[in-house]
Amino acid sequence: LVNYDYEKSTDFAKYKTYNYFDDMETGL
């Protein structure tokens, strides 16, 4: 099961690069 949510005003085309937070506590 997958559910999505997003900010409607977001311009997704402007996002080209990403990284992960350094201090993630994933539970894995």
mmCIF file of all heavy atoms, coordinates in Angstrom:
data_MODEL
# 
_entry.id   MODEL 
# 
loop_
_atom_site.group_PDB 
_atom_site.id 
_atom_site.type_symbol 
_atom_site.label_atom_id 
_atom_site.label_alt_id 
_atom_site.label_comp_id 
_atom_site.label_asym_id 
_atom_site.label_entity_id 
_atom_site.label_seq_id 
_atom_site.pdbx_PDB_ins_code 
_atom_site.Cartn_x 
_atom_site.Cartn_y 
_atom_site.Cartn_z 
_atom_site.occupancy 
_atom_site.B_iso_or_equiv 
_atom_site.pdbx_formal_charge 
_atom_site.auth_seq_id 
_atom_site.auth_comp_id 
_atom_site.auth_asym_id 
_atom_site.auth_atom_id 
_atom_site.pdbx_PDB_model_num 
ATOM 1   N N   . LEU A 1 1  ? 0.854  -1.178 0.000   1.00 0.00 ? 1  LEU A N   1 
ATOM 2   C CA  . LEU A 1 1  ? 0.000  0.000  0.000   1.00 0.00 ? 1  LEU A CA  1 
ATOM 3   C C   . LEU A 1 1  ? 0.893  1.230  0.000   1.00 0.00 ? 1  LEU A C   1 
ATOM 4   O O   . LEU A 1 1  ? 1.837  1.317  0.792   1.00 0.00 ? 1  LEU A O   1 
ATOM 5   C CB  . LEU A 1 1  ? -0.882 0.026  1.250   1.00 0.00 ? 1  LEU A CB  1 
ATOM 6   C CG  . LEU A 1 1  ? -1.822 -1.144 1.449   1.00 0.00 ? 1  LEU A CG  1 
ATOM 7   C CD1 . LEU A 1 1  ? -2.491 -1.052 2.814   1.00 0.00 ? 1  LEU A CD1 1 
ATOM 8   C CD2 . LEU A 1 1  ? -2.865 -1.182 0.356   1.00 0.00 ? 1  LEU A CD2 1 
ATOM 9   N N   . VAL A 1 2  ? 0.612  2.204  -0.874  1.00 0.00 ? 2  VAL A N   1 
ATOM 10  C CA  . VAL A 1 2  ? 1.372  3.442  -0.920  1.00 0.00 ? 2  VAL A CA  1 
ATOM 11  C C   . VAL A 1 2  ? 0.393  4.607  -0.969  1.00 0.00 ? 2  VAL A C   1 
ATOM 12  O O   . VAL A 1 2  ? -0.533 4.612  -1.776  1.00 0.00 ? 2  VAL A O   1 
ATOM 13  C CB  . VAL A 1 2  ? 2.309  3.498  -2.148  1.00 0.00 ? 2  VAL A CB  1 
ATOM 14  C CG1 . VAL A 1 2  ? 3.092  4.806  -2.159  1.00 0.00 ? 2  VAL A CG1 1 
ATOM 15  C CG2 . VAL A 1 2  ? 3.259  2.322  -2.174  1.00 0.00 ? 2  VAL A CG2 1 
ATOM 16  N N   . ASN A 1 3  ? 0.613  5.581  -0.103  1.00 0.00 ? 3  ASN A N   1 
ATOM 17  C CA  . ASN A 1 3  ? -0.173 6.813  -0.096  1.00 0.00 ? 3  ASN A CA  1 
ATOM 18  C C   . ASN A 1 3  ? 0.772  7.982  -0.320  1.00 0.00 ? 3  ASN A C   1 
ATOM 19  O O   . ASN A 1 3  ? 1.885  7.986  0.206   1.00 0.00 ? 3  ASN A O   1 
ATOM 20  C CB  . ASN A 1 3  ? -0.900 6.997  1.236   1.00 0.00 ? 3  ASN A CB  1 
ATOM 21  C CG  . ASN A 1 3  ? -1.961 5.946  1.449   1.00 0.00 ? 3  ASN A CG  1 
ATOM 22  O OD1 . ASN A 1 3  ? -2.798 5.726  0.594   1.00 0.00 ? 3  ASN A OD1 1 
ATOM 23  N ND2 . ASN A 1 3  ? -1.902 5.279  2.591   1.00 0.00 ? 3  ASN A ND2 1 
ATOM 24  N N   . TYR A 1 4  ? 0.306  8.966  -1.083  1.00 0.00 ? 4  TYR A N   1 
ATOM 25  C CA  . TYR A 1 4  ? 1.119  10.131 -1.417  1.00 0.00 ? 4  TYR A CA  1 
ATOM 26  C C   . TYR A 1 4  ? 0.459  11.392 -0.894  1.00 0.00 ? 4  TYR A C   1 
ATOM 27  O O   . TYR A 1 4  ? -0.750 11.469 -0.790  1.00 0.00 ? 4  TYR A O   1 
ATOM 28  C CB  . TYR A 1 4  ? 1.260  10.287 -2.934  1.00 0.00 ? 4  TYR A CB  1 
ATOM 29  C CG  . TYR A 1 4  ? 1.752  9.063  -3.633  1.00 0.00 ? 4  TYR A CG  1 
ATOM 30  C CD1 . TYR A 1 4  ? 0.879  8.196  -4.261  1.00 0.00 ? 4  TYR A CD1 1 
ATOM 31  C CD2 . TYR A 1 4  ? 3.101  8.759  -3.662  1.00 0.00 ? 4  TYR A CD2 1 
ATOM 32  C CE1 . TYR A 1 4  ? 1.325  7.058  -4.889  1.00 0.00 ? 4  TYR A CE1 1 
ATOM 33  C CE2 . TYR A 1 4  ? 3.563  7.625  -4.293  1.00 0.00 ? 4  TYR A CE2 1 
ATOM 34  C CZ  . TYR A 1 4  ? 2.663  6.784  -4.907  1.00 0.00 ? 4  TYR A CZ  1 
ATOM 35  O OH  . TYR A 1 4  ? 3.123  5.659  -5.530  1.00 0.00 ? 4  TYR A OH  1 
ATOM 36  N N   . ASP A 1 5  ? 1.293  12.384 -0.631  1.00 0.00 ? 5  ASP A N   1 
ATOM 37  C CA  . ASP A 1 5  ? 0.804  13.706 -0.302  1.00 0.00 ? 5  ASP A CA  1 
ATOM 38  C C   . ASP A 1 5  ? 1.840  14.697 -0.808  1.00 0.00 ? 5  ASP A C   1 
ATOM 39  O O   . ASP A 1 5  ? 3.035  14.378 -0.858  1.00 0.00 ? 5  ASP A O   1 
ATOM 40  C CB  . ASP A 1 5  ? 0.611  13.845 1.208   1.00 0.00 ? 5  ASP A CB  1 
ATOM 41  C CG  . ASP A 1 5  ? -0.291 15.018 1.573   1.00 0.00 ? 5  ASP A CG  1 
ATOM 42  O OD1 . ASP A 1 5  ? -0.869 15.654 0.659   1.00 0.00 ? 5  ASP A OD1 1 
ATOM 43  O OD2 . ASP A 1 5  ? -0.414 15.310 2.771   1.00 0.00 ? 5  ASP A OD2 1 
ATOM 44  N N   . TYR A 1 6  ? 1.394  15.871 -1.206  1.00 0.00 ? 6  TYR A N   1 
ATOM 45  C CA  . TYR A 1 6  ? 2.328  16.869 -1.707  1.00 0.00 ? 6  TYR A CA  1 
ATOM 46  C C   . TYR A 1 6  ? 1.733  18.268 -1.587  1.00 0.00 ? 6  TYR A C   1 
ATOM 47  O O   . TYR A 1 6  ? 0.516  18.430 -1.478  1.00 0.00 ? 6  TYR A O   1 
ATOM 48  C CB  . TYR A 1 6  ? 2.707  16.587 -3.166  1.00 0.00 ? 6  TYR A CB  1 
ATOM 49  C CG  . TYR A 1 6  ? 1.559  16.628 -4.137  1.00 0.00 ? 6  TYR A CG  1 
ATOM 50  C CD1 . TYR A 1 6  ? 1.256  17.797 -4.840  1.00 0.00 ? 6  TYR A CD1 1 
ATOM 51  C CD2 . TYR A 1 6  ? 0.772  15.511 -4.360  1.00 0.00 ? 6  TYR A CD2 1 
ATOM 52  C CE1 . TYR A 1 6  ? 0.201  17.849 -5.725  1.00 0.00 ? 6  TYR A CE1 1 
ATOM 53  C CE2 . TYR A 1 6  ? -0.284 15.551 -5.246  1.00 0.00 ? 6  TYR A CE2 1 
ATOM 54  C CZ  . TYR A 1 6  ? -0.570 16.728 -5.930  1.00 0.00 ? 6  TYR A CZ  1 
ATOM 55  O OH  . TYR A 1 6  ? -1.620 16.768 -6.798  1.00 0.00 ? 6  TYR A OH  1 
ATOM 56  N N   . GLU A 1 7  ? 2.612  19.249 -1.603  1.00 0.00 ? 7  GLU A N   1 
ATOM 57  C CA  . GLU A 1 7  ? 2.220  20.645 -1.592  1.00 0.00 ? 7  GLU A CA  1 
ATOM 58  C C   . GLU A 1 7  ? 1.803  21.027 -3.010  1.00 0.00 ? 7  GLU A C   1 
ATOM 59  O O   . GLU A 1 7  ? 2.609  20.937 -3.942  1.00 0.00 ? 7  GLU A O   1 
ATOM 60  C CB  . GLU A 1 7  ? 3.391  21.505 -1.114  1.00 0.00 ? 7  GLU A CB  1 
ATOM 61  C CG  . GLU A 1 7  ? 3.133  22.986 -1.140  1.00 0.00 ? 7  GLU A CG  1 
ATOM 62  C CD  . GLU A 1 7  ? 1.964  23.408 -0.265  1.00 0.00 ? 7  GLU A CD  1 
ATOM 63  O OE1 . GLU A 1 7  ? 1.866  22.941 0.883   1.00 0.00 ? 7  GLU A OE1 1 
ATOM 64  O OE2 . GLU A 1 7  ? 1.134  24.192 -0.762  1.00 0.00 ? 7  GLU A OE2 1 
ATOM 65  N N   . LYS A 1 8  ? 0.566  21.435 -3.182  1.00 0.00 ? 8  LYS A N   1 
ATOM 66  C CA  . LYS A 1 8  ? 0.020  21.701 -4.520  1.00 0.00 ? 8  LYS A CA  1 
ATOM 67  C C   . LYS A 1 8  ? 0.735  22.832 -5.252  1.00 0.00 ? 8  LYS A C   1 
ATOM 68  O O   . LYS A 1 8  ? 0.808  22.824 -6.470  1.00 0.00 ? 8  LYS A O   1 
ATOM 69  C CB  . LYS A 1 8  ? -1.472 22.025 -4.429  1.00 0.00 ? 8  LYS A CB  1 
ATOM 70  C CG  . LYS A 1 8  ? -2.302 20.809 -4.118  1.00 0.00 ? 8  LYS A CG  1 
ATOM 71  C CD  . LYS A 1 8  ? -3.790 20.994 -4.032  1.00 0.00 ? 8  LYS A CD  1 
ATOM 72  C CE  . LYS A 1 8  ? -4.361 22.309 -4.370  1.00 0.00 ? 8  LYS A CE  1 
ATOM 73  N NZ  . LYS A 1 8  ? -5.812 22.394 -4.261  1.00 0.00 ? 8  LYS A NZ  1 
ATOM 74  N N   . SER A 1 9  ? 1.284  23.776 -4.529  1.00 0.00 ? 9  SER A N   1 
ATOM 75  C CA  . SER A 1 9  ? 1.921  24.924 -5.181  1.00 0.00 ? 9  SER A CA  1 
ATOM 76  C C   . SER A 1 9  ? 3.353  24.644 -5.632  1.00 0.00 ? 9  SER A C   1 
ATOM 77  O O   . SER A 1 9  ? 3.998  25.514 -6.213  1.00 0.00 ? 9  SER A O   1 
ATOM 78  C CB  . SER A 1 9  ? 1.917  26.124 -4.225  1.00 0.00 ? 9  SER A CB  1 
ATOM 79  O OG  . SER A 1 9  ? 2.694  25.820 -3.073  1.00 0.00 ? 9  SER A OG  1 
ATOM 80  N N   . THR A 1 10 ? 3.856  23.436 -5.403  1.00 0.00 ? 10 THR A N   1 
ATOM 81  C CA  . THR A 1 10 ? 5.245  23.100 -5.719  1.00 0.00 ? 10 THR A CA  1 
ATOM 82  C C   . THR A 1 10 ? 5.478  22.976 -7.218  1.00 0.00 ? 10 THR A C   1 
ATOM 83  O O   . THR A 1 10 ? 4.708  22.338 -7.929  1.00 0.00 ? 10 THR A O   1 
ATOM 84  C CB  . THR A 1 10 ? 5.635  21.768 -5.036  1.00 0.00 ? 10 THR A CB  1 
ATOM 85  O OG1 . THR A 1 10 ? 5.448  21.908 -3.638  1.00 0.00 ? 10 THR A OG1 1 
ATOM 86  C CG2 . THR A 1 10 ? 7.073  21.401 -5.328  1.00 0.00 ? 10 THR A CG2 1 
ATOM 87  N N   . ASP A 1 11 ? 6.584  23.571 -7.672  1.00 0.00 ? 11 ASP A N   1 
ATOM 88  C CA  . ASP A 1 11 ? 7.049  23.408 -9.049  1.00 0.00 ? 11 ASP A CA  1 
ATOM 89  C C   . ASP A 1 11 ? 8.080  22.276 -9.044  1.00 0.00 ? 11 ASP A C   1 
ATOM 90  O O   . ASP A 1 11 ? 9.259  22.503 -8.775  1.00 0.00 ? 11 ASP A O   1 
ATOM 91  C CB  . ASP A 1 11 ? 7.664  24.702 -9.568  1.00 0.00 ? 11 ASP A CB  1 
ATOM 92  C CG  . ASP A 1 11 ? 8.244  24.564 -10.965 1.00 0.00 ? 11 ASP A CG  1 
ATOM 93  O OD1 . ASP A 1 11 ? 7.948  23.553 -11.645 1.00 0.00 ? 11 ASP A OD1 1 
ATOM 94  O OD2 . ASP A 1 11 ? 9.001  25.464 -11.370 1.00 0.00 ? 11 ASP A OD2 1 
ATOM 95  N N   . PHE A 1 12 ? 7.638  21.068 -9.324  1.00 0.00 ? 12 PHE A N   1 
ATOM 96  C CA  . PHE A 1 12 ? 8.507  19.899 -9.239  1.00 0.00 ? 12 PHE A CA  1 
ATOM 97  C C   . PHE A 1 12 ? 9.623  19.913 -10.288 1.00 0.00 ? 12 PHE A C   1 
ATOM 98  O O   . PHE A 1 12 ? 10.649 19.275 -10.099 1.00 0.00 ? 12 PHE A O   1 
ATOM 99  C CB  . PHE A 1 12 ? 7.688  18.608 -9.336  1.00 0.00 ? 12 PHE A CB  1 
ATOM 100 C CG  . PHE A 1 12 ? 6.879  18.333 -8.101  1.00 0.00 ? 12 PHE A CG  1 
ATOM 101 C CD1 . PHE A 1 12 ? 5.592  18.821 -7.982  1.00 0.00 ? 12 PHE A CD1 1 
ATOM 102 C CD2 . PHE A 1 12 ? 7.406  17.607 -7.054  1.00 0.00 ? 12 PHE A CD2 1 
ATOM 103 C CE1 . PHE A 1 12 ? 4.846  18.594 -6.837  1.00 0.00 ? 12 PHE A CE1 1 
ATOM 104 C CE2 . PHE A 1 12 ? 6.671  17.368 -5.901  1.00 0.00 ? 12 PHE A CE2 1 
ATOM 105 C CZ  . PHE A 1 12 ? 5.390  17.862 -5.792  1.00 0.00 ? 12 PHE A CZ  1 
ATOM 106 N N   . ALA A 1 13 ? 9.435  20.658 -11.366 1.00 0.00 ? 13 ALA A N   1 
ATOM 107 C CA  . ALA A 1 13 ? 10.443 20.717 -12.426 1.00 0.00 ? 13 ALA A CA  1 
ATOM 108 C C   . ALA A 1 13 ? 11.727 21.398 -11.964 1.00 0.00 ? 13 ALA A C   1 
ATOM 109 O O   . ALA A 1 13 ? 12.793 21.168 -12.531 1.00 0.00 ? 13 ALA A O   1 
ATOM 110 C CB  . ALA A 1 13 ? 9.874  21.440 -13.640 1.00 0.00 ? 13 ALA A CB  1 
ATOM 111 N N   . LYS A 1 14 ? 11.663 22.218 -10.919 1.00 0.00 ? 14 LYS A N   1 
ATOM 112 C CA  . LYS A 1 14 ? 12.865 22.925 -10.461 1.00 0.00 ? 14 LYS A CA  1 
ATOM 113 C C   . LYS A 1 14 ? 13.814 22.032 -9.653  1.00 0.00 ? 14 LYS A C   1 
ATOM 114 O O   . LYS A 1 14 ? 14.956 22.394 -9.430  1.00 0.00 ? 14 LYS A O   1 
ATOM 115 C CB  . LYS A 1 14 ? 12.491 24.169 -9.649  1.00 0.00 ? 14 LYS A CB  1 
ATOM 116 C CG  . LYS A 1 14 ? 12.008 23.886 -8.241  1.00 0.00 ? 14 LYS A CG  1 
ATOM 117 C CD  . LYS A 1 14 ? 11.713 25.170 -7.491  1.00 0.00 ? 14 LYS A CD  1 
ATOM 118 C CE  . LYS A 1 14 ? 11.366 24.887 -6.047  1.00 0.00 ? 14 LYS A CE  1 
ATOM 119 N NZ  . LYS A 1 14 ? 11.169 26.095 -5.286  1.00 0.00 ? 14 LYS A NZ  1 
ATOM 120 N N   . TYR A 1 15 ? 13.347 20.871 -9.236  1.00 0.00 ? 15 TYR A N   1 
ATOM 121 C CA  . TYR A 1 15 ? 14.171 19.979 -8.426  1.00 0.00 ? 15 TYR A CA  1 
ATOM 122 C C   . TYR A 1 15 ? 14.920 18.995 -9.326  1.00 0.00 ? 15 TYR A C   1 
ATOM 123 O O   . TYR A 1 15 ? 14.315 18.142 -9.959  1.00 0.00 ? 15 TYR A O   1 
ATOM 124 C CB  . TYR A 1 15 ? 13.318 19.229 -7.410  1.00 0.00 ? 15 TYR A CB  1 
ATOM 125 C CG  . TYR A 1 15 ? 12.674 20.136 -6.390  1.00 0.00 ? 15 TYR A CG  1 
ATOM 126 C CD1 . TYR A 1 15 ? 11.310 20.392 -6.415  1.00 0.00 ? 15 TYR A CD1 1 
ATOM 127 C CD2 . TYR A 1 15 ? 13.444 20.752 -5.413  1.00 0.00 ? 15 TYR A CD2 1 
ATOM 128 C CE1 . TYR A 1 15 ? 10.719 21.227 -5.486  1.00 0.00 ? 15 TYR A CE1 1 
ATOM 129 C CE2 . TYR A 1 15 ? 12.858 21.593 -4.481  1.00 0.00 ? 15 TYR A CE2 1 
ATOM 130 C CZ  . TYR A 1 15 ? 11.495 21.829 -4.528  1.00 0.00 ? 15 TYR A CZ  1 
ATOM 131 O OH  . TYR A 1 15 ? 10.931 22.666 -3.606  1.00 0.00 ? 15 TYR A OH  1 
ATOM 132 N N   . LYS A 1 16 ? 16.242 19.142 -9.362  1.00 0.00 ? 16 LYS A N   1 
ATOM 133 C CA  . LYS A 1 16 ? 17.087 18.291 -10.213 1.00 0.00 ? 16 LYS A CA  1 
ATOM 134 C C   . LYS A 1 16 ? 18.117 17.486 -9.416  1.00 0.00 ? 16 LYS A C   1 
ATOM 135 O O   . LYS A 1 16 ? 18.607 16.473 -9.887  1.00 0.00 ? 16 LYS A O   1 
ATOM 136 C CB  . LYS A 1 16 ? 17.830 19.143 -11.251 1.00 0.00 ? 16 LYS A CB  1 
ATOM 137 C CG  . LYS A 1 16 ? 16.920 19.959 -12.150 1.00 0.00 ? 16 LYS A CG  1 
ATOM 138 C CD  . LYS A 1 16 ? 16.191 19.078 -13.106 1.00 0.00 ? 16 LYS A CD  1 
ATOM 139 C CE  . LYS A 1 16 ? 15.354 19.927 -14.059 1.00 0.00 ? 16 LYS A CE  1 
ATOM 140 N NZ  . LYS A 1 16 ? 14.294 19.212 -14.663 1.00 0.00 ? 16 LYS A NZ  1 
ATOM 141 N N   . THR A 1 17 ? 18.464 17.975 -8.213  1.00 0.00 ? 17 THR A N   1 
ATOM 142 C CA  . THR A 1 17 ? 19.489 17.302 -7.404  1.00 0.00 ? 17 THR A CA  1 
ATOM 143 C C   . THR A 1 17 ? 18.947 17.043 -6.003  1.00 0.00 ? 17 THR A C   1 
ATOM 144 O O   . THR A 1 17 ? 18.080 17.773 -5.514  1.00 0.00 ? 17 THR A O   1 
ATOM 145 C CB  . THR A 1 17 ? 20.774 18.154 -7.307  1.00 0.00 ? 17 THR A CB  1 
ATOM 146 O OG1 . THR A 1 17 ? 20.463 19.412 -6.708  1.00 0.00 ? 17 THR A OG1 1 
ATOM 147 C CG2 . THR A 1 17 ? 21.398 18.361 -8.678  1.00 0.00 ? 17 THR A CG2 1 
ATOM 148 N N   . TYR A 1 18 ? 19.471 16.004 -5.379  1.00 0.00 ? 18 TYR A N   1 
ATOM 149 C CA  . TYR A 1 18 ? 19.011 15.608 -4.046  1.00 0.00 ? 18 TYR A CA  1 
ATOM 150 C C   . TYR A 1 18 ? 20.178 15.039 -3.248  1.00 0.00 ? 18 TYR A C   1 
ATOM 151 O O   . TYR A 1 18 ? 21.237 14.719 -3.783  1.00 0.00 ? 18 TYR A O   1 
ATOM 152 C CB  . TYR A 1 18 ? 17.900 14.553 -4.145  1.00 0.00 ? 18 TYR A CB  1 
ATOM 153 C CG  . TYR A 1 18 ? 18.411 13.219 -4.627  1.00 0.00 ? 18 TYR A CG  1 
ATOM 154 C CD1 . TYR A 1 18 ? 18.793 12.233 -3.716  1.00 0.00 ? 18 TYR A CD1 1 
ATOM 155 C CD2 . TYR A 1 18 ? 18.562 12.941 -5.983  1.00 0.00 ? 18 TYR A CD2 1 
ATOM 156 C CE1 . TYR A 1 18 ? 19.300 11.015 -4.152  1.00 0.00 ? 18 TYR A CE1 1 
ATOM 157 C CE2 . TYR A 1 18 ? 19.055 11.737 -6.422  1.00 0.00 ? 18 TYR A CE2 1 
ATOM 158 C CZ  . TYR A 1 18 ? 19.426 10.781 -5.500  1.00 0.00 ? 18 TYR A CZ  1 
ATOM 159 O OH  . TYR A 1 18 ? 19.928 9.583  -5.933  1.00 0.00 ? 18 TYR A OH  1 
ATOM 160 N N   . ASN A 1 19 ? 19.944 14.893 -1.954  1.00 0.00 ? 19 ASN A N   1 
ATOM 161 C CA  . ASN A 1 19 ? 20.825 14.143 -1.071  1.00 0.00 ? 19 ASN A CA  1 
ATOM 162 C C   . ASN A 1 19 ? 19.993 13.714 0.129   1.00 0.00 ? 19 ASN A C   1 
ATOM 163 O O   . ASN A 1 19 ? 18.840 14.121 0.264   1.00 0.00 ? 19 ASN A O   1 
ATOM 164 C CB  . ASN A 1 19 ? 22.045 14.958 -0.640  1.00 0.00 ? 19 ASN A CB  1 
ATOM 165 C CG  . ASN A 1 19 ? 23.238 14.067 -0.317  1.00 0.00 ? 19 ASN A CG  1 
ATOM 166 O OD1 . ASN A 1 19 ? 23.089 12.885 0.006   1.00 0.00 ? 19 ASN A OD1 1 
ATOM 167 N ND2 . ASN A 1 19 ? 24.421 14.627 -0.419  1.00 0.00 ? 19 ASN A ND2 1 
ATOM 168 N N   . TYR A 1 20 ? 20.585 12.921 0.997   1.00 0.00 ? 20 TYR A N   1 
ATOM 169 C CA  . TYR A 1 20 ? 19.899 12.434 2.187   1.00 0.00 ? 20 TYR A CA  1 
ATOM 170 C C   . TYR A 1 20 ? 20.339 13.258 3.389   1.00 0.00 ? 20 TYR A C   1 
ATOM 171 O O   . TYR A 1 20 ? 21.474 13.722 3.443   1.00 0.00 ? 20 TYR A O   1 
ATOM 172 C CB  . TYR A 1 20 ? 20.242 10.961 2.434   1.00 0.00 ? 20 TYR A CB  1 
ATOM 173 C CG  . TYR A 1 20 ? 19.843 10.071 1.291   1.00 0.00 ? 20 TYR A CG  1 
ATOM 174 C CD1 . TYR A 1 20 ? 20.737 9.784  0.264   1.00 0.00 ? 20 TYR A CD1 1 
ATOM 175 C CD2 . TYR A 1 20 ? 18.569 9.523  1.222   1.00 0.00 ? 20 TYR A CD2 1 
ATOM 176 C CE1 . TYR A 1 20 ? 20.371 8.981  -0.804  1.00 0.00 ? 20 TYR A CE1 1 
ATOM 177 C CE2 . TYR A 1 20 ? 18.202 8.711  0.160   1.00 0.00 ? 20 TYR A CE2 1 
ATOM 178 C CZ  . TYR A 1 20 ? 19.106 8.451  -0.847  1.00 0.00 ? 20 TYR A CZ  1 
ATOM 179 O OH  . TYR A 1 20 ? 18.744 7.662  -1.905  1.00 0.00 ? 20 TYR A OH  1 
ATOM 180 N N   . PHE A 1 21 ? 19.453 13.423 4.361   1.00 0.00 ? 21 PHE A N   1 
ATOM 181 C CA  . PHE A 1 21 ? 19.846 14.063 5.610   1.00 0.00 ? 21 PHE A CA  1 
ATOM 182 C C   . PHE A 1 21 ? 20.933 13.225 6.261   1.00 0.00 ? 21 PHE A C   1 
ATOM 183 O O   . PHE A 1 21 ? 20.866 11.985 6.248   1.00 0.00 ? 21 PHE A O   1 
ATOM 184 C CB  . PHE A 1 21 ? 18.653 14.191 6.564   1.00 0.00 ? 21 PHE A CB  1 
ATOM 185 C CG  . PHE A 1 21 ? 17.754 15.355 6.266   1.00 0.00 ? 21 PHE A CG  1 
ATOM 186 C CD1 . PHE A 1 21 ? 16.470 15.143 5.797   1.00 0.00 ? 21 PHE A CD1 1 
ATOM 187 C CD2 . PHE A 1 21 ? 18.183 16.659 6.455   1.00 0.00 ? 21 PHE A CD2 1 
ATOM 188 C CE1 . PHE A 1 21 ? 15.632 16.203 5.533   1.00 0.00 ? 21 PHE A CE1 1 
ATOM 189 C CE2 . PHE A 1 21 ? 17.352 17.735 6.194   1.00 0.00 ? 21 PHE A CE2 1 
ATOM 190 C CZ  . PHE A 1 21 ? 16.072 17.504 5.726   1.00 0.00 ? 21 PHE A CZ  1 
ATOM 191 N N   . ASP A 1 22 ? 21.939 13.884 6.828   1.00 0.00 ? 22 ASP A N   1 
ATOM 192 C CA  . ASP A 1 22 ? 23.044 13.171 7.485   1.00 0.00 ? 22 ASP A CA  1 
ATOM 193 C C   . ASP A 1 22 ? 22.598 12.448 8.748   1.00 0.00 ? 22 ASP A C   1 
ATOM 194 O O   . ASP A 1 22 ? 23.148 11.412 9.097   1.00 0.00 ? 22 ASP A O   1 
ATOM 195 C CB  . ASP A 1 22 ? 24.173 14.148 7.851   1.00 0.00 ? 22 ASP A CB  1 
ATOM 196 C CG  . ASP A 1 22 ? 24.890 14.681 6.621   1.00 0.00 ? 22 ASP A CG  1 
ATOM 197 O OD1 . ASP A 1 22 ? 24.925 13.951 5.603   1.00 0.00 ? 22 ASP A OD1 1 
ATOM 198 O OD2 . ASP A 1 22 ? 25.404 15.808 6.683   1.00 0.00 ? 22 ASP A OD2 1 
ATOM 199 N N   . ASP A 1 23 ? 21.629 12.994 9.426   1.00 0.00 ? 23 ASP A N   1 
ATOM 200 C CA  . ASP A 1 23 ? 21.241 12.469 10.742  1.00 0.00 ? 23 ASP A CA  1 
ATOM 201 C C   . ASP A 1 23 ? 19.954 11.643 10.695  1.00 0.00 ? 23 ASP A C   1 
ATOM 202 O O   . ASP A 1 23 ? 19.219 11.584 11.674  1.00 0.00 ? 23 ASP A O   1 
ATOM 203 C CB  . ASP A 1 23 ? 21.090 13.619 11.728  1.00 0.00 ? 23 ASP A CB  1 
ATOM 204 C CG  . ASP A 1 23 ? 20.066 14.659 11.275  1.00 0.00 ? 23 ASP A CG  1 
ATOM 205 O OD1 . ASP A 1 23 ? 19.613 14.587 10.116  1.00 0.00 ? 23 ASP A OD1 1 
ATOM 206 O OD2 . ASP A 1 23 ? 19.720 15.536 12.084  1.00 0.00 ? 23 ASP A OD2 1 
ATOM 207 N N   . MET A 1 24 ? 19.714 10.972 9.574   1.00 0.00 ? 24 MET A N   1 
ATOM 208 C CA  . MET A 1 24 ? 18.494 10.164 9.455   1.00 0.00 ? 24 MET A CA  1 
ATOM 209 C C   . MET A 1 24 ? 18.492 9.016  10.454  1.00 0.00 ? 24 MET A C   1 
ATOM 210 O O   . MET A 1 24 ? 19.501 8.356  10.648  1.00 0.00 ? 24 MET A O   1 
ATOM 211 C CB  . MET A 1 24 ? 18.374 9.553  8.050   1.00 0.00 ? 24 MET A CB  1 
ATOM 212 C CG  . MET A 1 24 ? 17.825 10.454 7.013   1.00 0.00 ? 24 MET A CG  1 
ATOM 213 S SD  . MET A 1 24 ? 17.382 9.592  5.480   1.00 0.00 ? 24 MET A SD  1 
ATOM 214 C CE  . MET A 1 24 ? 18.801 8.617  5.105   1.00 0.00 ? 24 MET A CE  1 
ATOM 215 N N   . GLU A 1 25 ? 17.361 8.801  11.068  1.00 0.00 ? 25 GLU A N   1 
ATOM 216 C CA  . GLU A 1 25 ? 17.116 7.639  11.925  1.00 0.00 ? 25 GLU A CA  1 
ATOM 217 C C   . GLU A 1 25 ? 16.053 6.814  11.211  1.00 0.00 ? 25 GLU A C   1 
ATOM 218 O O   . GLU A 1 25 ? 14.863 6.986  11.442  1.00 0.00 ? 25 GLU A O   1 
ATOM 219 C CB  . GLU A 1 25 ? 16.615 8.083  13.304  1.00 0.00 ? 25 GLU A CB  1 
ATOM 220 C CG  . GLU A 1 25 ? 17.577 8.953  14.077  1.00 0.00 ? 25 GLU A CG  1 
ATOM 221 C CD  . GLU A 1 25 ? 18.623 8.153  14.830  1.00 0.00 ? 25 GLU A CD  1 
ATOM 222 O OE1 . GLU A 1 25 ? 18.345 6.984  15.157  1.00 0.00 ? 25 GLU A OE1 1 
ATOM 223 O OE2 . GLU A 1 25 ? 19.707 8.705  15.068  1.00 0.00 ? 25 GLU A OE2 1 
ATOM 224 N N   . THR A 1 26 ? 16.484 5.925  10.325  1.00 0.00 ? 26 THR A N   1 
ATOM 225 C CA  . THR A 1 26 ? 15.536 5.232  9.453   1.00 0.00 ? 26 THR A CA  1 
ATOM 226 C C   . THR A 1 26 ? 14.767 4.109  10.140  1.00 0.00 ? 26 THR A C   1 
ATOM 227 O O   . THR A 1 26 ? 13.722 3.707  9.658   1.00 0.00 ? 26 THR A O   1 
ATOM 228 C CB  . THR A 1 26 ? 16.251 4.630  8.232   1.00 0.00 ? 26 THR A CB  1 
ATOM 229 O OG1 . THR A 1 26 ? 17.137 3.604  8.678   1.00 0.00 ? 26 THR A OG1 1 
ATOM 230 C CG2 . THR A 1 26 ? 16.996 5.688  7.447   1.00 0.00 ? 26 THR A CG2 1 
ATOM 231 N N   . GLY A 1 27 ? 15.308 3.572  11.209  1.00 0.00 ? 27 GLY A N   1 
ATOM 232 C CA  . GLY A 1 27 ? 14.673 2.421  11.824  1.00 0.00 ? 27 GLY A CA  1 
ATOM 233 C C   . GLY A 1 27 ? 15.081 1.113  11.163  1.00 0.00 ? 27 GLY A C   1 
ATOM 234 O O   . GLY A 1 27 ? 14.577 0.051  11.518  1.00 0.00 ? 27 GLY A O   1 
ATOM 235 N N   . LEU A 1 28 ? 15.983 1.180  10.189  1.00 0.00 ? 28 LEU A N   1 
ATOM 236 C CA  . LEU A 1 28 ? 16.483 -0.003 9.490   1.00 0.00 ? 28 LEU A CA  1 
ATOM 237 C C   . LEU A 1 28 ? 17.903 -0.313 9.952   1.00 0.00 ? 28 LEU A C   1 
ATOM 238 O O   . LEU A 1 28 ? 18.582 0.551  10.513  1.00 0.00 ? 28 LEU A O   1 
ATOM 239 C CB  . LEU A 1 28 ? 16.507 0.240  7.977   1.00 0.00 ? 28 LEU A CB  1 
ATOM 240 C CG  . LEU A 1 28 ? 15.179 0.525  7.293   1.00 0.00 ? 28 LEU A CG  1 
ATOM 241 C CD1 . LEU A 1 28 ? 15.401 1.032  5.873   1.00 0.00 ? 28 LEU A CD1 1 
ATOM 242 C CD2 . LEU A 1 28 ? 14.323 -0.723 7.277   1.00 0.00 ? 28 LEU A CD2 1 
# 
